[in-house]
Amino acid sequence: MSKSWETYIKQFRHYLKIERSLSENSIEAYCRDVEKLGAYAVQHFSDLSPLNLELEHLRRFINELGKLELSDFTLARIISGIKAFYKFLMYEDLISEDPAQLLDSPKLGRKLPDTLSFEEISLLLESIPLGEPEGHRNRAMLEMLYSSGLRVSELVELKKSQIFEDIGFLRVVGKGNKERLVPIGKDALKYLRIYREQVRSLQEIARGHEEYVFLNRRGKKLSRVMVFLIIKKTAELAGISKNVSPHTFRHSFATHLIEGGADLRAVQEMLGHESITTTEIYTHLDRDYLRQVLTDFHPGNKK
């Protein structure tokens, strides 16, 4: 890749981190996608810098990607990265017009993950073998995922200082380093206490990992992949054939709250969603429910 592309991508990375406060995973994904564009541009438009590309050049790149039979989701993500890059160039006054503004993205349907019933959640949790040290850790983790609706990244990054047992709350650091307080249930606190007192306290903890709550056998914080594998294995033990992942627990948490009559705004706050629209889709609320909320609670309907 040319020096000009490398320079602008480096500045873009800094912008995403400092100005947008994105997670490292999101930053890496955006930069990788722009690097793909850069490699293509160097090969086909070697006389043009990132500042000189036009909409037609970007469309040619996207058309070339279309020949690779990428999924709509992957293609949409790449286009999103390119649009973010050119918004950054506009933000820095490096270009006067945004060539990516009219770049079309594929229409994506919102595929909702499988939801577990309360009975299935209970079956899955009770299938965890507590006769081994990892069992107590795994039970505490899955109880916490269901009890508080955490993202898997929030779970593995959780530190001891973020748990307030006396009031039953967690201080969670979510997307964009935004903090929120979420309640944690009694069962989750119970198994967390057992894990910390009977398992974690006996471990030799690796340097730099002392504050993380959930550790692997080597005394280091668990990886996201490891949590996925633990959940897959536990679902198999429970005889659950659904596609179960950490996100399934988060989705089930929200769904069960809404079905139980919880306020949509409260669920939005606990999930850490910026928009109530995201929460509405996430919890697959039907329009009749929303219409009923309006009828029951809007002051204009009480005249």
Protein backbone atom coordinates (compact mmCIF):
# COMPACT_ATOMS: atom_id res chain seq x y z
CA MET A 1 0.00 0.00 0.00
CA SER A 2 1.23 3.50 -0.77
CA LYS A 3 2.54 5.86 1.90
CA SER A 4 -0.41 8.22 1.42
CA TRP A 5 -2.94 5.49 2.19
CA GLU A 6 -0.95 4.32 5.22
CA THR A 7 -0.73 7.88 6.54
CA TYR A 8 -4.45 8.60 6.21
CA ILE A 9 -5.46 5.22 7.67
CA LYS A 10 -3.19 5.86 10.65
CA GLN A 11 -4.89 9.22 11.19
CA PHE A 12 -8.29 7.55 10.71
CA ARG A 13 -7.42 5.00 13.42
CA HIS A 14 -6.54 7.82 15.81
CA TYR A 15 -9.81 9.61 14.97
CA LEU A 16 -11.90 6.47 15.64
CA LYS A 17 -10.21 5.97 18.99
CA ILE A 18 -10.13 9.55 20.27
CA GLU A 19 -13.08 11.26 18.59
CA ARG A 20 -15.48 8.33 18.17
CA SER A 21 -14.39 6.31 21.24
CA LEU A 22 -14.92 3.03 19.38
CA SER A 23 -13.79 -0.32 20.74
CA GLU A 24 -10.53 -1.85 19.51
CA ASN A 25 -12.50 -4.51 17.62
CA SER A 26 -14.53 -1.89 15.74
CA ILE A 27 -11.43 0.18 14.98
CA GLU A 28 -9.62 -2.86 13.58
CA ALA A 29 -12.61 -3.82 11.43
CA TYR A 30 -12.97 -0.31 9.97
CA CYS A 31 -9.26 0.01 9.23
CA ARG A 32 -9.07 -3.42 7.60
CA ASP A 33 -11.92 -2.49 5.28
CA VAL A 34 -10.30 0.79 4.28
CA GLU A 35 -7.01 -1.06 3.71
CA LYS A 36 -8.87 -3.29 1.22
CA LEU A 37 -9.99 -0.19 -0.64
CA GLY A 38 -6.45 1.19 -0.50
CA ALA A 39 -4.93 -1.99 -1.95
CA TYR A 40 -7.48 -1.96 -4.77
CA ALA A 41 -6.91 1.74 -5.50
CA VAL A 42 -3.12 1.37 -5.62
CA GLN A 43 -3.54 -1.46 -8.14
CA HIS A 44 -6.16 0.17 -10.37
CA PHE A 45 -5.86 3.93 -9.75
CA SER A 46 -2.20 4.29 -8.79
CA ASP A 47 -2.11 7.97 -9.76
CA LEU A 48 -4.92 8.86 -7.30
CA SER A 49 -4.60 9.42 -3.55
CA PRO A 50 -7.47 8.73 -1.11
CA LEU A 51 -8.37 12.42 -1.43
CA ASN A 52 -8.92 12.14 -5.18
CA LEU A 53 -11.16 9.07 -5.40
CA GLU A 54 -14.66 9.69 -6.68
CA LEU A 55 -17.95 7.84 -6.33
CA GLU A 56 -17.34 5.90 -9.55
CA HIS A 57 -14.02 4.56 -8.21
CA LEU A 58 -15.70 3.42 -5.00
CA ARG A 59 -18.51 1.74 -6.94
CA ARG A 60 -15.98 -0.15 -9.07
CA PHE A 61 -14.34 -1.41 -5.87
CA ILE A 62 -17.68 -2.54 -4.43
CA ASN A 63 -18.62 -4.25 -7.71
CA GLU A 64 -15.32 -6.11 -7.58
CA LEU A 65 -16.13 -7.27 -4.05
CA GLY A 66 -19.51 -8.46 -5.33
CA LYS A 67 -17.73 -11.01 -7.51
CA LEU A 68 -16.32 -12.65 -4.35
CA GLU A 69 -19.83 -13.72 -3.27
CA LEU A 70 -19.54 -11.98 0.08
CA SER A 71 -22.59 -11.97 2.33
CA ASP A 72 -24.76 -8.85 2.38
CA PHE A 73 -23.73 -8.31 5.99
CA THR A 74 -20.00 -8.35 5.13
CA LEU A 75 -20.52 -6.05 2.15
CA ALA A 76 -22.57 -3.63 4.25
CA ARG A 77 -19.88 -3.58 6.90
CA ILE A 78 -17.16 -2.77 4.36
CA ILE A 79 -19.27 0.05 2.90
CA SER A 80 -19.87 1.35 6.40
CA GLY A 81 -16.11 1.44 7.00
CA ILE A 82 -15.50 3.33 3.77
CA LYS A 83 -18.23 5.86 4.60
CA ALA A 84 -16.72 6.39 8.05
CA PHE A 85 -13.30 6.97 6.44
CA TYR A 86 -14.61 9.66 4.11
CA LYS A 87 -16.57 11.31 6.90
CA PHE A 88 -13.26 11.51 8.76
CA LEU A 89 -11.60 13.16 5.73
CA MET A 90 -14.48 15.65 5.60
CA TYR A 91 -14.20 16.25 9.35
CA GLU A 92 -10.51 17.08 8.94
CA ASP A 93 -11.26 19.39 5.96
CA LEU A 94 -9.06 17.25 3.74
CA ILE A 95 -11.80 16.98 1.11
CA SER A 96 -14.68 19.29 0.26
CA GLU A 97 -17.13 16.66 -1.04
CA ASP A 98 -17.85 13.17 0.28
CA PRO A 99 -17.67 10.64 -2.59
CA ALA A 100 -19.05 7.86 -0.38
CA GLN A 101 -22.25 9.69 0.51
CA LEU A 102 -24.23 8.12 -2.35
CA LEU A 103 -22.64 4.68 -2.04
CA ASP A 104 -25.51 2.23 -1.69
CA SER A 105 -25.48 -0.53 0.93
CA PRO A 106 -27.40 -3.81 0.60
CA LYS A 107 -30.67 -3.96 2.48
CA LEU A 108 -30.26 -6.11 5.56
CA GLY A 109 -33.04 -7.90 7.37
CA ARG A 110 -32.80 -7.99 11.14
CA LYS A 111 -32.35 -11.66 12.00
CA LEU A 112 -33.25 -12.18 15.62
CA PRO A 113 -31.27 -14.77 17.56
CA ASP A 114 -32.89 -17.78 19.15
CA THR A 115 -34.47 -17.09 22.51
CA LEU A 116 -34.41 -19.55 25.36
CA SER A 117 -37.47 -19.97 27.55
CA PHE A 118 -37.03 -19.60 31.31
CA GLU A 119 -37.28 -23.40 31.59
CA GLU A 120 -34.51 -23.84 28.99
CA ILE A 121 -32.32 -21.30 30.78
CA SER A 122 -32.81 -23.21 34.04
CA LEU A 123 -32.07 -26.54 32.35
CA LEU A 124 -28.90 -25.15 30.80
CA LEU A 125 -27.66 -23.66 34.07
CA GLU A 126 -28.37 -26.85 36.00
CA SER A 127 -26.44 -28.87 33.41
CA ILE A 128 -23.16 -27.22 34.39
CA PRO A 129 -21.06 -29.77 36.34
CA LEU A 130 -20.18 -28.15 39.66
CA GLY A 131 -17.84 -30.97 40.66
CA GLU A 132 -14.95 -29.25 38.90
CA PRO A 133 -13.50 -25.76 39.53
CA GLU A 134 -14.45 -24.48 36.09
CA GLY A 135 -18.04 -25.45 36.84
CA HIS A 136 -18.43 -22.81 39.54
CA ARG A 137 -16.86 -20.20 37.28
CA ASN A 138 -19.08 -21.16 34.35
CA ARG A 139 -22.23 -21.14 36.47
CA ALA A 140 -21.37 -17.68 37.79
CA MET A 141 -20.69 -16.40 34.25
CA LEU A 142 -23.87 -17.71 32.69
CA GLU A 143 -25.98 -16.61 35.65
CA MET A 144 -24.53 -13.14 35.17
CA LEU A 145 -25.16 -13.09 31.40
CA TYR A 146 -28.82 -13.93 31.97
CA SER A 147 -29.24 -11.86 35.13
CA SER A 148 -27.81 -8.63 33.74
CA GLY A 149 -28.01 -8.93 29.94
CA LEU A 150 -24.30 -8.33 29.43
CA ARG A 151 -22.50 -8.46 26.10
CA VAL A 152 -19.77 -11.10 26.01
CA SER A 153 -17.12 -8.36 25.73
CA GLU A 154 -18.52 -6.71 28.88
CA LEU A 155 -18.38 -10.04 30.72
CA VAL A 156 -14.75 -10.88 29.92
CA GLU A 157 -13.63 -7.30 30.67
CA LEU A 158 -15.49 -7.16 34.00
CA LYS A 159 -13.27 -6.16 36.94
CA LYS A 160 -13.71 -6.69 40.66
CA SER A 161 -14.10 -2.95 41.26
CA GLN A 162 -17.17 -2.90 39.00
CA ILE A 163 -19.22 -5.20 41.27
CA PHE A 164 -21.23 -3.64 44.09
CA GLU A 165 -22.61 -6.63 45.96
CA ASP A 166 -24.09 -4.58 48.79
CA ILE A 167 -26.57 -2.86 46.47
CA GLY A 168 -26.79 -5.62 43.83
CA PHE A 169 -25.46 -3.64 40.87
CA LEU A 170 -22.69 -3.83 38.26
CA ARG A 171 -20.94 -0.84 36.72
CA VAL A 172 -20.62 -1.98 33.11
CA VAL A 173 -18.35 -0.41 30.49
CA GLY A 174 -20.09 -0.92 27.15
CA LYS A 175 -19.65 0.18 23.55
CA GLY A 176 -17.74 3.42 23.10
CA ASN A 177 -16.51 3.16 26.72
CA LYS A 178 -19.94 4.28 27.92
CA GLU A 179 -20.74 3.27 31.48
CA ARG A 180 -24.08 2.12 32.83
CA LEU A 181 -25.38 0.58 36.04
CA VAL A 182 -27.24 -2.71 35.73
CA PRO A 183 -28.79 -4.83 38.47
CA ILE A 184 -27.51 -8.32 39.18
CA GLY A 185 -29.80 -11.06 40.50
CA LYS A 186 -29.47 -12.93 43.78
CA ASP A 187 -28.59 -16.24 42.12
CA ALA A 188 -25.86 -14.60 40.05
CA LEU A 189 -24.41 -12.99 43.18
CA LYS A 190 -24.61 -16.29 45.04
CA TYR A 191 -22.63 -18.24 42.42
CA LEU A 192 -20.24 -15.36 41.88
CA ARG A 193 -19.45 -15.39 45.60
CA ILE A 194 -18.85 -19.16 45.55
CA TYR A 195 -16.53 -18.83 42.55
CA ARG A 196 -14.54 -15.97 44.06
CA GLU A 197 -14.20 -17.52 47.51
CA GLN A 198 -13.75 -21.20 46.67
CA VAL A 199 -12.05 -21.19 43.25
CA ARG A 200 -10.56 -17.88 42.20
CA SER A 201 -8.96 -17.20 45.60
CA LEU A 202 -6.93 -20.45 45.25
CA GLN A 203 -5.63 -19.65 41.76
CA GLU A 204 -2.21 -18.34 40.87
CA ILE A 205 -3.13 -15.21 38.95
CA ALA A 206 -1.00 -13.96 36.06
CA ARG A 207 0.56 -10.54 36.40
CA GLY A 208 -1.68 -7.83 35.00
CA HIS A 209 -4.83 -9.95 35.31
CA GLU A 210 -5.44 -9.53 39.04
CA GLU A 211 -8.49 -7.28 38.64
CA TYR A 212 -10.40 -9.36 36.08
CA VAL A 213 -13.23 -11.37 37.59
CA PHE A 214 -13.32 -14.41 35.31
CA LEU A 215 -10.04 -16.23 34.72
CA ASN A 216 -8.90 -19.29 32.80
CA ARG A 217 -6.77 -22.11 34.21
CA ARG A 218 -3.60 -20.10 33.62
CA GLY A 219 -4.87 -17.24 35.75
CA LYS A 220 -5.54 -14.92 32.80
CA LYS A 221 -8.80 -13.27 31.81
CA LEU A 222 -11.07 -15.39 29.66
CA SER A 223 -11.31 -14.71 25.94
CA ARG A 224 -14.58 -14.13 24.10
CA VAL A 225 -13.99 -17.32 22.10
CA MET A 226 -13.65 -19.35 25.28
CA VAL A 227 -17.01 -18.09 26.56
CA PHE A 228 -18.63 -19.08 23.24
CA LEU A 229 -17.13 -22.60 23.50
CA ILE A 230 -18.23 -23.01 27.13
CA ILE A 231 -21.80 -22.07 26.22
CA LYS A 232 -21.88 -24.38 23.19
CA LYS A 233 -20.66 -27.30 25.30
CA THR A 234 -23.15 -26.56 28.09
CA ALA A 235 -26.05 -26.37 25.62
CA GLU A 236 -25.05 -29.80 24.27
CA LEU A 237 -24.98 -31.21 27.81
CA ALA A 238 -28.46 -29.79 28.40
CA GLY A 239 -29.74 -31.33 25.16
CA ILE A 240 -30.72 -27.95 23.73
CA SER A 241 -30.61 -27.99 19.94
CA LYS A 242 -31.03 -24.24 19.41
CA ASN A 243 -28.06 -22.15 18.30
CA VAL A 244 -27.02 -20.85 21.72
CA SER A 245 -24.39 -18.12 22.16
CA PRO A 246 -23.65 -15.41 24.75
CA HIS A 247 -25.98 -13.13 22.77
CA THR A 248 -28.81 -15.65 23.32
CA PHE A 249 -28.63 -14.94 27.05
CA ARG A 250 -28.74 -11.18 26.45
CA HIS A 251 -31.68 -11.56 24.09
CA SER A 252 -33.51 -13.88 26.49
CA PHE A 253 -32.88 -11.43 29.36
CA ALA A 254 -34.56 -8.61 27.42
CA THR A 255 -37.37 -10.76 26.06
CA HIS A 256 -38.33 -12.17 29.46
CA LEU A 257 -38.34 -8.70 31.00
CA ILE A 258 -40.65 -7.32 28.29
CA GLU A 259 -42.93 -10.35 28.45
CA GLY A 260 -43.12 -9.84 32.21
CA GLY A 261 -44.33 -6.26 31.74
CA ALA A 262 -41.06 -4.31 32.15
CA ASP A 263 -40.92 -0.75 30.85
CA LEU A 264 -39.21 -0.48 27.47
CA ARG A 265 -37.11 2.50 28.58
CA ALA A 266 -35.84 0.55 31.58
CA VAL A 267 -34.81 -2.34 29.34
CA GLN A 268 -33.12 0.12 26.98
CA GLU A 269 -31.10 1.51 29.88
CA MET A 270 -30.06 -1.93 31.12
CA LEU A 271 -28.99 -3.08 27.64
CA GLY A 272 -27.06 0.13 27.01
CA HIS A 273 -28.85 0.95 23.75
CA GLU A 274 -28.57 4.55 22.55
CA SER A 275 -31.87 4.35 20.67
CA ILE A 276 -35.18 3.00 21.90
CA THR A 277 -35.72 1.74 18.33
CA THR A 278 -32.85 -0.71 18.76
CA THR A 279 -34.43 -2.06 21.93
CA GLU A 280 -37.82 -2.37 20.24
CA ILE A 281 -36.35 -4.51 17.45
CA TYR A 282 -34.11 -6.42 19.83
CA THR A 283 -36.99 -7.53 21.97
CA HIS A 284 -39.25 -8.21 18.96
CA LEU A 285 -42.12 -6.25 20.46
CA ASP A 286 -45.28 -6.30 18.41
CA ARG A 287 -47.06 -3.13 17.44
CA ASP A 288 -50.13 -4.04 19.48
CA TYR A 289 -48.03 -3.89 22.67
CA LEU A 290 -46.65 -0.45 21.77
CA ARG A 291 -50.15 0.77 20.88
CA GLN A 292 -51.40 -0.47 24.26
CA VAL A 293 -48.59 1.38 26.06
CA LEU A 294 -49.66 4.58 24.28
CA THR A 295 -53.34 3.98 25.17
CA ASP A 296 -52.62 3.21 28.82
CA PHE A 297 -49.99 5.79 29.68
CA HIS A 298 -50.12 8.80 27.33
CA PRO A 299 -51.87 11.70 29.11
CA GLY A 300 -53.62 12.72 25.90
CA ASN A 301 -55.55 9.45 25.97
CA LYS A 302 -56.97 10.04 29.45
CA LYS A 303 -59.22 12.93 28.55
